[in-house]
Amino acid sequence: MRRLTLRQFRVFEAVARHLSFSRAAAELHLSQPAVSMQVRGIENILGLPLTEQLGKKIYLTEAGREVLHASRQITARLDDLQANLAQLRGMEGGRLNLAVTTTVSAVATDILARFRGQHPGVSIHLDVSNRESVLGQLAANRIDLAIMGQVPGGLDLEATRFMDNPLVVIAPPGHPLARRKKVSLRDLASEPFLVREAGSGTRGAMERFFADRGLELRTSMEMSSNEAIKQAVQAGLGLGILSLQTLELELALKRLAVLDVEGFPIMRHWYVVHRIDKRLSPAAQGFKEFVLGSAH
């Protein structure tokens, strides 16, 4: 029986991830016929179809899902091996693949700048995404480390806390509540709030906070980024709840005000996260130690 090649595994993993031969070809810098030929080659060796097309959509068969699982394990181990062998020349020649949630991007950028100043030879790839995407990249072993809020349990991830993340209520400086001391939570119940999308760590924290106190937020608009919420609050469209660490510029320029609300700030934390079974390269291990050692 002919053996499957590493090239075939890599090609099929891309096809299965995109569920598209054309997008996989673009990612791999191959022609679409070349990608199709590699997948057909696997099917000929195994004697089973790996994909099926219904209408314009491609789906994985049961055999395809098995091959995808094996492909991810094999390519992940090879990537780890290549990175670790490269690191034998020293951390300065390494590569760091990092993902951060949008809420922590400002904090992470500052940490990266200081790390890069000490280790200019490390090649860094940074992806800024929402929480669901970052968790997906960790699960698929496409990144070394992530920086994010608290990680849900049961995902085989190691999360180490390194910094506090206070969430505060923000309003336009001219808002009536901005001039008051000790604003009650009842006072907020009638105010419209601008919130992040469902699944956001910040939104989850604020909803739990109010639900625990028997209150429900009046949501007026859902937005996909902190910047959009800040601009909408400045425009007077409602109040917001964001990390204090993302508001430095707006507070300095008096574009926003932090309300003095009972029970606030909601204290959350930032974590540096990786898979439990991940063998960190010297560059990734060095960055993790730098993060934990430079927390303030």
Protein backbone atom coordinates (compact mmCIF):
# COMPACT_ATOMS: atom_id res chain seq x y z
CA MET A 1 0.00 0.00 0.00
CA ARG A 2 1.33 3.42 -0.92
CA ARG A 3 1.97 5.80 1.96
CA LEU A 4 0.44 9.23 2.36
CA THR A 5 2.90 12.11 2.08
CA LEU A 6 3.35 15.09 4.36
CA ARG A 7 2.48 17.33 1.43
CA GLN A 8 -0.87 15.57 1.03
CA PHE A 9 -1.65 16.00 4.72
CA ARG A 10 -0.86 19.73 4.60
CA VAL A 11 -2.95 20.26 1.46
CA PHE A 12 -5.93 18.37 2.85
CA GLU A 13 -5.78 20.23 6.18
CA ALA A 14 -6.07 23.52 4.27
CA VAL A 15 -8.98 22.23 2.17
CA ALA A 16 -10.81 20.93 5.25
CA ARG A 17 -10.23 24.15 7.20
CA HIS A 18 -11.57 26.37 4.40
CA LEU A 19 -14.07 23.82 2.99
CA SER A 20 -12.95 25.23 -0.34
CA PHE A 21 -10.43 23.99 -2.90
CA SER A 22 -9.92 27.48 -4.32
CA ARG A 23 -9.24 29.16 -0.96
CA ALA A 24 -6.89 26.35 0.05
CA ALA A 25 -5.05 26.78 -3.26
CA ALA A 26 -4.69 30.52 -2.66
CA GLU A 27 -3.32 29.97 0.85
CA LEU A 28 -0.82 27.34 -0.33
CA HIS A 29 0.15 29.28 -3.48
CA LEU A 30 -0.89 26.34 -5.66
CA SER A 31 -3.30 25.99 -8.54
CA GLN A 32 -6.74 24.62 -7.79
CA PRO A 33 -6.16 21.53 -10.02
CA ALA A 34 -2.96 20.78 -8.07
CA VAL A 35 -4.87 20.88 -4.80
CA SER A 36 -7.65 18.70 -6.18
CA MET A 37 -5.06 16.21 -7.43
CA GLN A 38 -3.49 15.90 -3.97
CA VAL A 39 -6.86 15.21 -2.36
CA ARG A 40 -7.80 12.70 -5.05
CA GLY A 41 -4.44 11.01 -4.39
CA ILE A 42 -5.34 10.50 -0.72
CA GLU A 43 -8.75 9.13 -1.70
CA ASN A 44 -7.16 6.67 -4.13
CA ILE A 45 -4.78 5.41 -1.45
CA LEU A 46 -7.49 5.06 1.20
CA GLY A 47 -10.24 3.90 -1.11
CA LEU A 48 -12.70 6.30 0.50
CA PRO A 49 -14.07 9.73 -0.47
CA LEU A 50 -12.95 12.55 1.84
CA THR A 51 -15.31 15.29 0.65
CA GLU A 52 -18.76 15.54 -0.86
CA GLN A 53 -20.38 18.46 -2.63
CA LEU A 54 -23.99 19.40 -2.02
CA GLY A 55 -24.99 22.31 -4.19
CA LYS A 56 -22.13 24.77 -4.07
CA LYS A 57 -20.90 23.71 -0.62
CA ILE A 58 -18.23 21.17 0.27
CA TYR A 59 -18.60 18.92 3.30
CA LEU A 60 -16.23 16.42 4.91
CA THR A 61 -17.20 12.76 4.97
CA GLU A 62 -16.56 10.66 8.07
CA ALA A 63 -13.29 9.51 6.50
CA GLY A 64 -12.45 13.14 5.76
CA ARG A 65 -12.92 14.08 9.40
CA GLU A 66 -10.59 11.26 10.45
CA VAL A 67 -7.93 12.38 7.98
CA LEU A 68 -8.33 16.00 9.13
CA HIS A 69 -7.73 14.97 12.75
CA ALA A 70 -4.59 13.08 11.76
CA SER A 71 -3.43 15.92 9.49
CA ARG A 72 -3.68 18.47 12.30
CA GLN A 73 -1.74 16.28 14.68
CA ILE A 74 0.99 15.54 12.16
CA THR A 75 1.40 19.08 10.85
CA ALA A 76 1.33 20.51 14.39
CA ARG A 77 4.11 18.15 15.48
CA LEU A 78 6.15 19.01 12.39
CA ASP A 79 5.68 22.73 12.99
CA ASP A 80 6.81 22.27 16.60
CA LEU A 81 9.83 20.27 15.43
CA GLN A 82 10.84 22.86 12.85
CA ALA A 83 10.45 25.70 15.33
CA ASN A 84 12.40 23.91 18.04
CA LEU A 85 15.21 22.94 15.68
CA ALA A 86 15.45 26.53 14.51
CA GLN A 87 15.56 27.66 18.11
CA LEU A 88 18.67 25.57 18.78
CA ARG A 89 20.53 28.48 17.19
CA GLY A 90 19.21 30.67 20.01
CA MET A 91 16.01 32.57 20.76
CA GLU A 92 17.07 35.49 18.60
CA GLY A 93 16.43 33.45 15.46
CA GLY A 94 13.02 32.16 16.48
CA ARG A 95 9.42 32.83 15.54
CA LEU A 96 6.49 33.66 17.80
CA ASN A 97 2.90 33.11 16.70
CA LEU A 98 0.62 35.07 19.01
CA ALA A 99 -3.10 35.84 19.06
CA VAL A 100 -4.80 38.38 21.33
CA THR A 101 -8.40 39.38 21.86
CA THR A 102 -9.39 42.84 20.66
CA THR A 103 -9.97 44.07 24.21
CA VAL A 104 -6.38 43.36 25.24
CA SER A 105 -4.71 44.50 22.01
CA ALA A 106 -3.43 47.80 23.46
CA VAL A 107 -1.86 46.04 26.46
CA ALA A 108 -0.40 43.30 24.26
CA THR A 109 1.07 45.80 21.79
CA ASP A 110 2.89 47.57 24.60
CA ILE A 111 4.27 44.26 25.92
CA LEU A 112 5.33 43.20 22.41
CA ALA A 113 7.13 46.49 21.82
CA ARG A 114 9.18 46.04 24.99
CA PHE A 115 9.86 42.37 24.22
CA ARG A 116 10.94 43.22 20.66
CA GLY A 117 13.30 45.87 22.03
CA GLN A 118 15.14 43.16 23.96
CA HIS A 119 14.87 40.44 21.30
CA PRO A 120 14.90 42.16 17.88
CA GLY A 121 15.73 38.94 16.04
CA VAL A 122 12.51 37.14 16.97
CA SER A 123 10.00 37.05 14.10
CA ILE A 124 6.54 37.82 15.46
CA HIS A 125 3.18 37.10 13.86
CA LEU A 126 0.31 38.78 15.71
CA ASP A 127 -3.38 38.15 15.11
CA VAL A 128 -5.99 40.35 16.80
CA SER A 129 -9.37 38.62 16.83
CA ASN A 130 -12.47 38.14 18.91
CA ARG A 131 -12.52 35.65 21.78
CA GLU A 132 -14.12 32.82 19.80
CA SER A 133 -11.51 33.08 17.04
CA VAL A 134 -8.59 33.10 19.49
CA LEU A 135 -9.95 30.00 21.25
CA GLY A 136 -10.34 28.32 17.86
CA GLN A 137 -6.73 29.05 16.95
CA LEU A 138 -5.57 27.58 20.25
CA ALA A 139 -7.69 24.47 19.72
CA ALA A 140 -6.29 24.00 16.21
CA ASN A 141 -2.71 24.57 17.45
CA ARG A 142 -2.18 27.36 14.93
CA ILE A 143 -0.58 29.68 17.50
CA ASP A 144 1.97 29.35 20.28
CA LEU A 145 0.34 31.64 22.84
CA ALA A 146 -2.69 33.82 23.37
CA ILE A 147 -3.35 36.80 25.59
CA MET A 148 -6.98 37.10 26.61
CA GLY A 149 -9.47 37.25 29.45
CA GLN A 150 -10.46 34.23 31.50
CA VAL A 151 -10.56 30.97 29.57
CA PRO A 152 -13.53 28.61 29.87
CA GLY A 153 -12.81 25.31 31.57
CA GLY A 154 -12.56 21.93 29.89
CA LEU A 155 -10.50 23.04 26.90
CA ASP A 156 -7.11 21.52 27.84
CA LEU A 157 -5.56 24.98 28.06
CA GLU A 158 -3.08 26.35 30.58
CA ALA A 159 -3.95 29.93 31.56
CA THR A 160 -1.66 32.01 33.80
CA ARG A 161 -2.95 35.31 35.21
CA PHE A 162 -0.57 38.24 34.86
CA MET A 163 -2.51 41.53 35.09
CA ASP A 164 -5.72 43.02 36.48
CA ASN A 165 -8.32 44.21 33.98
CA PRO A 166 -10.84 46.62 35.57
CA LEU A 167 -14.06 47.19 33.64
CA VAL A 168 -15.67 50.63 34.08
CA VAL A 169 -18.84 52.41 32.96
CA ILE A 170 -18.19 55.19 30.44
CA ALA A 171 -20.32 58.11 29.30
CA PRO A 172 -19.91 61.38 27.38
CA PRO A 173 -18.40 64.07 29.69
CA GLY A 174 -21.65 66.07 29.49
CA HIS A 175 -23.89 63.20 30.58
CA PRO A 176 -25.92 64.01 33.77
CA LEU A 177 -24.53 60.94 35.56
CA ALA A 178 -20.95 62.09 34.93
CA ARG A 179 -21.39 64.83 37.54
CA ARG A 180 -22.79 62.53 40.24
CA LYS A 181 -21.02 60.63 43.00
CA LYS A 182 -21.97 57.03 43.81
CA VAL A 183 -24.33 56.36 40.94
CA SER A 184 -26.60 53.46 41.89
CA LEU A 185 -27.10 50.42 39.70
CA ARG A 186 -30.82 51.24 39.62
CA ASP A 187 -29.93 54.56 37.98
CA LEU A 188 -28.23 52.62 35.19
CA ALA A 189 -31.20 50.33 34.58
CA SER A 190 -33.00 52.95 32.47
CA GLU A 191 -29.89 53.95 30.49
CA PRO A 192 -29.27 52.47 27.01
CA PHE A 193 -26.03 50.48 26.78
CA LEU A 194 -23.78 49.80 23.81
CA VAL A 195 -22.40 46.26 24.08
CA ARG A 196 -19.96 43.93 22.37
CA GLU A 197 -21.13 40.97 20.32
CA ALA A 198 -22.43 37.79 21.96
CA GLY A 199 -19.52 35.64 23.12
CA SER A 200 -17.34 38.61 24.05
CA GLY A 201 -15.66 38.23 27.44
CA THR A 202 -16.46 41.83 28.36
CA ARG A 203 -20.14 41.39 27.53
CA GLY A 204 -20.31 38.14 29.47
CA ALA A 205 -18.77 39.77 32.55
CA MET A 206 -21.15 42.74 32.51
CA GLU A 207 -24.24 40.56 31.97
CA ARG A 208 -23.25 38.28 34.87
CA PHE A 209 -22.59 41.30 37.10
CA PHE A 210 -26.06 42.75 36.58
CA ALA A 211 -27.86 39.38 36.57
CA ASP A 212 -26.32 38.52 39.96
CA ARG A 213 -27.94 41.70 41.30
CA GLY A 214 -31.33 41.02 39.77
CA LEU A 215 -30.96 43.68 37.09
CA GLU A 216 -31.04 43.57 33.31
CA LEU A 217 -29.17 45.92 31.01
CA ARG A 218 -31.14 47.88 28.45
CA THR A 219 -29.14 47.12 25.31
CA SER A 220 -29.54 49.67 22.55
CA MET A 221 -26.88 48.55 20.10
CA GLU A 222 -24.44 45.67 19.58
CA MET A 223 -20.97 46.41 18.19
CA SER A 224 -18.01 44.27 17.16
CA SER A 225 -15.16 46.40 18.52
CA ASN A 226 -14.21 48.53 21.51
CA GLU A 227 -13.35 51.44 19.22
CA ALA A 228 -16.86 51.45 17.79
CA ILE A 229 -18.33 51.49 21.30
CA LYS A 230 -16.08 54.39 22.36
CA GLN A 231 -17.07 56.45 19.33
CA ALA A 232 -20.77 55.70 19.82
CA VAL A 233 -20.61 56.68 23.50
CA GLN A 234 -18.87 59.93 22.54
CA ALA A 235 -21.71 60.57 20.08
CA GLY A 236 -24.27 60.20 22.88
CA LEU A 237 -25.84 56.95 21.68
CA GLY A 238 -25.63 55.30 25.10
CA LEU A 239 -23.33 54.19 27.89
CA GLY A 240 -20.66 51.53 27.63
CA ILE A 241 -18.65 49.17 29.83
CA LEU A 242 -15.04 48.72 28.74
CA SER A 243 -11.62 47.92 30.11
CA LEU A 244 -10.06 50.96 31.79
CA GLN A 245 -6.78 50.05 30.08
CA THR A 246 -8.29 50.80 26.65
CA LEU A 247 -9.40 54.35 27.57
CA GLU A 248 -6.15 56.20 28.27
CA LEU A 249 -6.29 58.50 25.24
CA GLU A 250 -10.01 59.31 25.45
CA LEU A 251 -9.81 60.12 29.16
CA ALA A 252 -6.72 62.30 28.71
CA LEU A 253 -8.47 64.28 25.95
CA LYS A 254 -11.72 64.42 27.98
CA ARG A 255 -13.68 62.74 25.22
CA LEU A 256 -15.12 60.22 27.70
CA ALA A 257 -15.81 60.11 31.43
CA VAL A 258 -15.71 57.16 33.83
CA LEU A 259 -18.85 57.06 35.99
CA ASP A 260 -18.61 56.56 39.75
CA VAL A 261 -20.93 53.55 39.97
CA GLU A 262 -21.49 51.37 43.03
CA GLY A 263 -19.84 47.96 42.68
CA PHE A 264 -17.51 49.12 39.93
CA PRO A 265 -14.99 48.50 38.58
CA ILE A 266 -15.74 44.88 37.71
CA MET A 267 -12.34 43.31 38.29
CA ARG A 268 -11.33 40.84 35.64
CA HIS A 269 -7.84 39.65 34.70
CA TRP A 270 -5.60 39.09 31.69
CA TYR A 271 -4.09 35.65 31.08
CA VAL A 272 -1.32 34.26 28.93
CA VAL A 273 -2.66 31.00 27.49
CA HIS A 274 -1.40 27.95 25.61
CA ARG A 275 -2.39 24.35 25.05
CA ILE A 276 -1.47 22.04 27.93
CA ASP A 277 0.26 19.67 25.49
CA LYS A 278 2.08 22.47 23.66
CA ARG A 279 5.85 22.22 23.73
CA LEU A 280 6.77 25.89 23.71
CA SER A 281 9.71 26.94 21.59
CA PRO A 282 12.43 29.01 23.29
CA ALA A 283 10.93 32.15 21.70
CA ALA A 284 7.44 31.35 22.98
CA GLN A 285 8.71 30.32 26.41
CA GLY A 286 10.84 33.46 26.56
CA PHE A 287 7.86 35.64 25.69
CA LYS A 288 5.66 33.94 28.30
CA GLU A 289 8.31 34.54 30.98
CA PHE A 290 8.68 38.15 29.80
CA VAL A 291 4.92 38.71 30.11
CA LEU A 292 4.78 37.24 33.60
CA GLY A 293 7.89 39.09 34.70
CA SER A 294 6.85 42.50 33.33
CA ALA A 295 3.29 42.55 34.68
CA HIS A 296 2.40 45.76 36.40
